[in-house]
Amino acid sequence: MSTKFEIGTVVQGKVTSIKPFGAFVALDQQTQGLVHISQIANEFVKDINDHVSVGDEVSVKILSIDSASGKIALTMRMGEPPKPSRERAVPTVSLEDQLKDFLKQSNERQIQLNKRFKK
């Protein structure tokens, strides 16, 4: 493994493959590292393919280098503020209404369970 890479440095790389758990990025001809799915973006990443594709040129920061195994951990999270998410909108239902709904669902489940055990 090349010793020219240091922890904390930002380098350009090319995405070589994508797996459900992360993306492999080539740092040079002989060296590649893994950007874990949690390090792809500052927001929750459900599908890596929504953020990167094979062949993309990306900036990555080196998080760790395991010289024994040759594994390099990378991140694409460079400290940008998280983007606002439409999925995480603040609910407009009051806490009291949420509690009433929860109690109603709970009571319905309890009734169903009682019917099963009475058979």
C-alpha atoms as a PDB file:
ATOM      1  CA  MET A   1       0.000   0.000   0.000  1.00  0.00           C
ATOM      2  CA  SER A   2       1.205   3.481  -0.788  1.00  0.00           C
ATOM      3  CA  THR A   3       2.443   5.563   2.144  1.00  0.00           C
ATOM      4  CA  LYS A   4       1.683   8.880   0.456  1.00  0.00           C
ATOM      5  CA  PHE A   5      -1.777   9.108   2.037  1.00  0.00           C
ATOM      6  CA  GLU A   6      -2.198  10.595   5.485  1.00  0.00           C
ATOM      7  CA  ILE A   7      -5.145  10.666   7.868  1.00  0.00           C
ATOM      8  CA  GLY A   8      -7.050  13.930   7.629  1.00  0.00           C
ATOM      9  CA  THR A   9      -6.024  14.818   4.079  1.00  0.00           C
ATOM     10  CA  VAL A  10      -8.599  15.538   1.395  1.00  0.00           C
ATOM     11  CA  VAL A  11      -7.949  13.883  -1.956  1.00  0.00           C
ATOM     12  CA  GLN A  12      -9.731  13.426  -5.280  1.00  0.00           C
ATOM     13  CA  GLY A  13     -10.867   9.924  -6.114  1.00  0.00           C
ATOM     14  CA  LYS A  14     -13.022   8.013  -8.540  1.00  0.00           C
ATOM     15  CA  VAL A  15     -15.945   5.795  -7.509  1.00  0.00           C
ATOM     16  CA  THR A  16     -15.126   2.264  -8.693  1.00  0.00           C
ATOM     17  CA  SER A  17     -18.017   0.278  -7.246  1.00  0.00           C
ATOM     18  CA  ILE A  18     -21.114   0.701  -5.122  1.00  0.00           C
ATOM     19  CA  LYS A  19     -22.395  -1.767  -2.535  1.00  0.00           C
ATOM     20  CA  PRO A  20     -25.399  -1.473  -0.175  1.00  0.00           C
ATOM     21  CA  PHE A  21     -23.021  -0.597   2.690  1.00  0.00           C
ATOM     22  CA  GLY A  22     -20.877   2.004   0.889  1.00  0.00           C
ATOM     23  CA  ALA A  23     -18.883   3.106  -2.142  1.00  0.00           C
ATOM     24  CA  PHE A  24     -15.346   2.099  -3.052  1.00  0.00           C
ATOM     25  CA  VAL A  25     -13.195   4.992  -4.260  1.00  0.00           C
ATOM     26  CA  ALA A  26      -9.870   4.677  -6.106  1.00  0.00           C
ATOM     27  CA  LEU A  27      -7.348   7.153  -4.720  1.00  0.00           C
ATOM     28  CA  ASP A  28      -4.661   6.211  -7.254  1.00  0.00           C
ATOM     29  CA  GLN A  29      -3.822   3.247  -9.521  1.00  0.00           C
ATOM     30  CA  GLN A  30      -3.051   0.887  -6.606  1.00  0.00           C
ATOM     31  CA  THR A  31      -5.031   2.290  -3.695  1.00  0.00           C
ATOM     32  CA  GLN A  32      -8.716   2.403  -2.936  1.00  0.00           C
ATOM     33  CA  GLY A  33     -10.780   3.036   0.159  1.00  0.00           C
ATOM     34  CA  LEU A  34     -14.340   2.691   1.370  1.00  0.00           C
ATOM     35  CA  VAL A  35     -16.827   5.477   2.017  1.00  0.00           C
ATOM     36  CA  HIS A  36     -19.312   3.846   4.402  1.00  0.00           C
ATOM     37  CA  ILE A  37     -22.981   4.675   3.731  1.00  0.00           C
ATOM     38  CA  SER A  38     -23.035   6.797   6.918  1.00  0.00           C
ATOM     39  CA  GLN A  39     -20.208   8.921   5.481  1.00  0.00           C
ATOM     40  CA  ILE A  40     -21.738   9.598   2.033  1.00  0.00           C
ATOM     41  CA  ALA A  41     -23.692  12.730   3.018  1.00  0.00           C
ATOM     42  CA  ASN A  42     -24.641  14.817   6.021  1.00  0.00           C
ATOM     43  CA  GLU A  43     -28.239  13.654   5.793  1.00  0.00           C
ATOM     44  CA  PHE A  44     -29.678  10.146   6.062  1.00  0.00           C
ATOM     45  CA  VAL A  45     -28.783   8.088   2.983  1.00  0.00           C
ATOM     46  CA  LYS A  46     -31.339   5.457   2.082  1.00  0.00           C
ATOM     47  CA  ASP A  47     -29.890   4.610  -1.336  1.00  0.00           C
ATOM     48  CA  ILE A  48     -26.254   5.352  -2.149  1.00  0.00           C
ATOM     49  CA  ASN A  49     -27.105   5.477  -5.850  1.00  0.00           C
ATOM     50  CA  ASP A  50     -29.040   8.709  -5.212  1.00  0.00           C
ATOM     51  CA  HIS A  51     -25.746  10.369  -4.236  1.00  0.00           C
ATOM     52  CA  VAL A  52     -22.935   8.794  -6.299  1.00  0.00           C
ATOM     53  CA  SER A  53     -22.482   6.661  -9.394  1.00  0.00           C
ATOM     54  CA  VAL A  54     -19.635   4.485 -10.613  1.00  0.00           C
ATOM     55  CA  GLY A  55     -17.144   6.721 -12.416  1.00  0.00           C
ATOM     56  CA  ASP A  56     -17.936   9.882 -10.428  1.00  0.00           C
ATOM     57  CA  GLU A  57     -14.974  12.032  -9.397  1.00  0.00           C
ATOM     58  CA  VAL A  58     -15.383  12.826  -5.688  1.00  0.00           C
ATOM     59  CA  SER A  59     -13.515  14.638  -2.939  1.00  0.00           C
ATOM     60  CA  VAL A  60     -12.901  12.403   0.058  1.00  0.00           C
ATOM     61  CA  LYS A  61     -11.175  12.862   3.386  1.00  0.00           C
ATOM     62  CA  ILE A  62      -9.095  10.025   4.824  1.00  0.00           C
ATOM     63  CA  LEU A  63     -10.487   8.972   8.210  1.00  0.00           C
ATOM     64  CA  SER A  64      -8.228   6.038   9.000  1.00  0.00           C
ATOM     65  CA  ILE A  65      -5.614   3.764   7.479  1.00  0.00           C
ATOM     66  CA  ASP A  66      -5.159   0.201   8.711  1.00  0.00           C
ATOM     67  CA  SER A  67      -1.689  -0.735   7.494  1.00  0.00           C
ATOM     68  CA  ALA A  68      -2.080  -4.357   8.609  1.00  0.00           C
ATOM     69  CA  SER A  69      -5.167  -5.029   6.493  1.00  0.00           C
ATOM     70  CA  GLY A  70      -4.621  -2.281   3.922  1.00  0.00           C
ATOM     71  CA  LYS A  71      -8.079  -0.825   4.529  1.00  0.00           C
ATOM     72  CA  ILE A  72      -8.669   2.908   4.193  1.00  0.00           C
ATOM     73  CA  ALA A  73     -11.806   4.529   5.630  1.00  0.00           C
ATOM     74  CA  LEU A  74     -13.012   7.627   3.797  1.00  0.00           C
ATOM     75  CA  THR A  75     -15.690  10.261   4.215  1.00  0.00           C
ATOM     76  CA  MET A  76     -17.476  12.558   1.812  1.00  0.00           C
ATOM     77  CA  ARG A  77     -18.926  14.555   4.720  1.00  0.00           C
ATOM     78  CA  MET A  78     -16.826  17.694   4.701  1.00  0.00           C
ATOM     79  CA  GLY A  79     -18.638  19.689   7.342  1.00  0.00           C
ATOM     80  CA  GLU A  80     -21.364  21.225   5.210  1.00  0.00           C
ATOM     81  CA  PRO A  81     -24.542  21.943   7.141  1.00  0.00           C
ATOM     82  CA  PRO A  82     -27.201  19.272   6.694  1.00  0.00           C
ATOM     83  CA  LYS A  83     -29.720  19.932   3.964  1.00  0.00           C
ATOM     84  CA  PRO A  84     -33.308  20.433   5.144  1.00  0.00           C
ATOM     85  CA  SER A  85     -35.286  17.274   4.611  1.00  0.00           C
ATOM     86  CA  ARG A  86     -38.914  17.217   3.573  1.00  0.00           C
ATOM     87  CA  GLU A  87     -39.310  13.831   5.239  1.00  0.00           C
ATOM     88  CA  ARG A  88     -38.376  15.179   8.654  1.00  0.00           C
ATOM     89  CA  ALA A  89     -40.982  17.897   8.814  1.00  0.00           C
ATOM     90  CA  VAL A  90     -42.156  18.822  12.292  1.00  0.00           C
ATOM     91  CA  PRO A  91     -45.571  17.262  12.915  1.00  0.00           C
ATOM     92  CA  THR A  92     -48.410  19.739  13.175  1.00  0.00           C
ATOM     93  CA  VAL A  93     -50.469  17.424  15.386  1.00  0.00           C
ATOM     94  CA  SER A  94     -50.476  18.423  19.027  1.00  0.00           C
ATOM     95  CA  LEU A  95     -48.992  16.169  21.651  1.00  0.00           C
ATOM     96  CA  GLU A  96     -52.420  15.729  23.212  1.00  0.00           C
ATOM     97  CA  ASP A  97     -53.870  14.503  19.896  1.00  0.00           C
ATOM     98  CA  GLN A  98     -50.924  12.150  19.390  1.00  0.00           C
ATOM     99  CA  LEU A  99     -51.448  10.719  22.866  1.00  0.00           C
ATOM    100  CA  LYS A 100     -55.177  10.205  22.233  1.00  0.00           C
ATOM    101  CA  ASP A 101     -54.382   8.416  18.974  1.00  0.00           C
ATOM    102  CA  PHE A 102     -51.806   6.223  20.713  1.00  0.00           C
ATOM    103  CA  LEU A 103     -54.260   5.281  23.488  1.00  0.00           C
ATOM    104  CA  LYS A 104     -56.953   4.461  20.913  1.00  0.00           C
ATOM    105  CA  GLN A 105     -54.560   2.170  18.986  1.00  0.00           C
ATOM    106  CA  SER A 106     -53.392   0.573  22.207  1.00  0.00           C
ATOM    107  CA  ASN A 107     -56.938  -0.146  23.345  1.00  0.00           C
ATOM    108  CA  GLU A 108     -57.812  -1.654  19.951  1.00  0.00           C
ATOM    109  CA  ARG A 109     -54.787  -3.951  20.140  1.00  0.00           C
ATOM    110  CA  GLN A 110     -55.681  -4.990  23.679  1.00  0.00           C
ATOM    111  CA  ILE A 111     -59.223  -5.864  22.582  1.00  0.00           C
ATOM    112  CA  GLN A 112     -57.849  -8.006  19.733  1.00  0.00           C
ATOM    113  CA  LEU A 113     -55.490  -9.801  22.101  1.00  0.00           C
ATOM    114  CA  ASN A 114     -58.273 -10.451  24.607  1.00  0.00           C
ATOM    115  CA  LYS A 115     -60.451 -11.954  21.853  1.00  0.00           C
ATOM    116  CA  ARG A 116     -57.628 -14.332  20.842  1.00  0.00           C
ATOM    117  CA  PHE A 117     -57.071 -15.603  24.357  1.00  0.00           C
ATOM    118  CA  LYS A 118     -60.789 -16.144  25.052  1.00  0.00           C
ATOM    119  CA  LYS A 119     -61.068 -18.656  22.179  1.00  0.00           C
END
